[in-house]
C-alpha atoms as a PDB file:
ATOM      1  CA  UNK A   1     125.368  89.627 122.710  1.00  0.00           C
ATOM      2  CA  UNK A   2     122.723  87.517 121.019  1.00  0.00           C
ATOM      3  CA  UNK A   3     121.275  88.939 117.838  1.00  0.00           C
ATOM      4  CA  UNK A   4     117.507  89.096 117.845  1.00  0.00           C
ATOM      5  CA  UNK A   5     116.514  91.077 114.760  1.00  0.00           C
ATOM      6  CA  UNK A   6     116.304  90.429 111.053  1.00  0.00           C
ATOM      7  CA  UNK A   7     116.632  93.549 108.934  1.00  0.00           C
ATOM      8  CA  UNK A   8     114.185  93.861 106.087  1.00  0.00           C
ATOM      9  CA  UNK A   9     115.128  96.486 103.557  1.00  0.00           C
ATOM     10  CA  UNK A  10     112.834  96.867 100.620  1.00  0.00           C
ATOM     11  CA  UNK A  11     113.121  99.081  97.611  1.00  0.00           C
ATOM     12  CA  UNK A  12     110.738  98.858  94.703  1.00  0.00           C
ATOM     13  CA  UNK A  13     111.282  99.859  91.115  1.00  0.00           C
ATOM     14  CA  UNK A  14     112.011 103.541  90.670  1.00  0.00           C
ATOM     15  CA  UNK A  15     110.190 104.456  87.486  1.00  0.00           C
ATOM     16  CA  UNK A  16     108.059 107.501  86.901  1.00  0.00           C
ATOM     17  CA  UNK A  17     104.915 105.408  86.416  1.00  0.00           C
ATOM     18  CA  UNK A  18     105.621 103.099  89.336  1.00  0.00           C
ATOM     19  CA  UNK A  19     105.632 104.411  92.872  1.00  0.00           C
ATOM     20  CA  UNK A  20     108.813 103.735  94.803  1.00  0.00           C
ATOM     21  CA  UNK A  21     108.575 101.761  97.997  1.00  0.00           C
ATOM     22  CA  UNK A  22     111.388 102.061 100.458  1.00  0.00           C
ATOM     23  CA  UNK A  23     111.602 100.913 103.980  1.00  0.00           C
ATOM     24  CA  UNK A  24     113.801  99.351 106.559  1.00  0.00           C
ATOM     25  CA  UNK A  25     112.095  97.151 109.110  1.00  0.00           C
ATOM     26  CA  UNK A  26     113.598  95.018 111.814  1.00  0.00           C
ATOM     27  CA  UNK A  27     111.799  91.800 112.680  1.00  0.00           C
ATOM     28  CA  UNK A  28     112.221  90.558 116.228  1.00  0.00           C
ATOM     29  CA  UNK A  29     112.592  86.828 116.843  1.00  0.00           C
ATOM     30  CA  UNK A  30     114.220  86.494 120.263  1.00  0.00           C
ATOM     31  CA  UNK A  31     110.924  85.212 121.675  1.00  0.00           C
ATOM     32  CA  UNK A  32     110.843  82.307 119.191  1.00  0.00           C
ATOM     33  CA  UNK A  33     112.488  78.894 119.335  1.00  0.00           C
ATOM     34  CA  UNK A  34     113.886  78.724 115.818  1.00  0.00           C
ATOM     35  CA  UNK A  35     115.071  75.163 116.287  1.00  0.00           C
ATOM     36  CA  UNK A  36     111.410  74.116 116.145  1.00  0.00           C
ATOM     37  CA  UNK A  37     109.202  74.086 113.043  1.00  0.00           C
ATOM     38  CA  UNK A  38     106.575  76.137 114.923  1.00  0.00           C
ATOM     39  CA  UNK A  39     109.107  78.865 115.720  1.00  0.00           C
ATOM     40  CA  UNK A  40     110.330  78.950 112.133  1.00  0.00           C
ATOM     41  CA  UNK A  41     106.749  79.193 110.833  1.00  0.00           C
ATOM     42  CA  UNK A  42     106.018  82.050 113.245  1.00  0.00           C
ATOM     43  CA  UNK A  43     109.076  83.945 112.001  1.00  0.00           C
ATOM     44  CA  UNK A  44     108.086  83.275 108.388  1.00  0.00           C
ATOM     45  CA  UNK A  45     104.671  84.841 109.106  1.00  0.00           C
ATOM     46  CA  UNK A  46     106.346  87.885 110.667  1.00  0.00           C
ATOM     47  CA  UNK A  47     108.601  88.254 107.632  1.00  0.00           C
ATOM     48  CA  UNK A  48     105.638  87.958 105.273  1.00  0.00           C
ATOM     49  CA  UNK A  49     103.632  90.591 107.156  1.00  0.00           C
ATOM     50  CA  UNK A  50     106.576  92.989 107.391  1.00  0.00           C
ATOM     51  CA  UNK A  51     107.335  92.636 103.666  1.00  0.00           C
ATOM     52  CA  UNK A  52     103.666  93.233 102.777  1.00  0.00           C
ATOM     53  CA  UNK A  53     103.545  96.306 105.005  1.00  0.00           C
ATOM     54  CA  UNK A  54     106.813  97.889 103.905  1.00  0.00           C
ATOM     55  CA  UNK A  55     106.079  97.327 100.210  1.00  0.00           C
ATOM     56  CA  UNK A  56     102.417  98.328 100.337  1.00  0.00           C
ATOM     57  CA  UNK A  57     101.413  95.054  98.716  1.00  0.00           C
ATOM     58  CA  UNK A  58      97.930  95.021 100.222  1.00  0.00           C
ATOM     59  CA  UNK A  59      97.126  98.671  99.546  1.00  0.00           C
ATOM     60  CA  UNK A  60      94.297  99.302  97.130  1.00  0.00           C
ATOM     61  CA  UNK A  61      95.041 101.641  94.255  1.00  0.00           C
ATOM     62  CA  UNK A  62      92.239 103.801  93.026  1.00  0.00           C
ATOM     63  CA  UNK A  63      91.167 103.437  89.422  1.00  0.00           C
ATOM     64  CA  UNK A  64      92.322  99.846  88.965  1.00  0.00           C
ATOM     65  CA  UNK A  65      91.888  96.370  90.343  1.00  0.00           C
ATOM     66  CA  UNK A  66      95.224  95.213  88.983  1.00  0.00           C
ATOM     67  CA  UNK A  67      97.997  94.598  91.506  1.00  0.00           C
ATOM     68  CA  UNK A  68     100.889  97.018  91.595  1.00  0.00           C
ATOM     69  CA  UNK A  69     103.882  95.379  89.885  1.00  0.00           C
ATOM     70  CA  UNK A  70     106.348  97.553  91.784  1.00  0.00           C
ATOM     71  CA  UNK A  71     104.861  96.473  95.112  1.00  0.00           C
ATOM     72  CA  UNK A  72     104.981  92.810  94.062  1.00  0.00           C
ATOM     73  CA  UNK A  73     108.615  93.074  92.992  1.00  0.00           C
ATOM     74  CA  UNK A  74     109.470  94.877  96.232  1.00  0.00           C
ATOM     75  CA  UNK A  75     107.694  92.146  98.232  1.00  0.00           C
ATOM     76  CA  UNK A  76     109.484  89.343  96.394  1.00  0.00           C
ATOM     77  CA  UNK A  77     112.898  90.958  96.916  1.00  0.00           C
ATOM     78  CA  UNK A  78     112.249  91.743 100.578  1.00  0.00           C
ATOM     79  CA  UNK A  79     111.023  88.204 101.277  1.00  0.00           C
ATOM     80  CA  UNK A  80     114.029  86.691  99.539  1.00  0.00           C
ATOM     81  CA  UNK A  81     116.453  88.843 101.514  1.00  0.00           C
ATOM     82  CA  UNK A  82     114.761  88.196 104.871  1.00  0.00           C
ATOM     83  CA  UNK A  83     114.392  84.469 104.200  1.00  0.00           C
ATOM     84  CA  UNK A  84     118.133  84.222 103.546  1.00  0.00           C
ATOM     85  CA  UNK A  85     118.802  85.972 106.842  1.00  0.00           C
ATOM     86  CA  UNK A  86     116.338  83.644 108.566  1.00  0.00           C
ATOM     87  CA  UNK A  87     118.124  80.568 107.189  1.00  0.00           C
ATOM     88  CA  UNK A  88     121.441  81.852 108.559  1.00  0.00           C
ATOM     89  CA  UNK A  89     119.899  82.511 111.981  1.00  0.00           C
ATOM     90  CA  UNK A  90     118.257  79.067 112.092  1.00  0.00           C
ATOM     91  CA  UNK A  91     121.573  77.412 111.178  1.00  0.00           C
ATOM     92  CA  UNK A  92     123.374  79.415 113.835  1.00  0.00           C
ATOM     93  CA  UNK A  93     120.857  78.355 116.492  1.00  0.00           C
ATOM     94  CA  UNK A  94     121.146  74.713 115.440  1.00  0.00           C
ATOM     95  CA  UNK A  95     124.895  74.925 115.927  1.00  0.00           C
ATOM     96  CA  UNK A  96     124.399  76.353 119.396  1.00  0.00           C
ATOM     97  CA  UNK A  97     125.161  79.986 118.469  1.00  0.00           C
END
């Protein structure tokens, strides 16, 4: 069975002054040709959007214009994790897997 999902798990800092972000999202890619740069770019955009959504990176906080550090850290960790999974999937497809 061909795998067609990348799991994106994101957990932000758990401090009393920083809201916790937790989520588990699966990003579908079976419709993309990951052996092409266009397919890889499309998956990268999906990963970026999913990480932003699950971490609440684009949510406005009332009372401040400063970005939420917990959301940014969550986003960075989620992107790193998903990008590593993407690299493994791209390598597997290149090898005919």
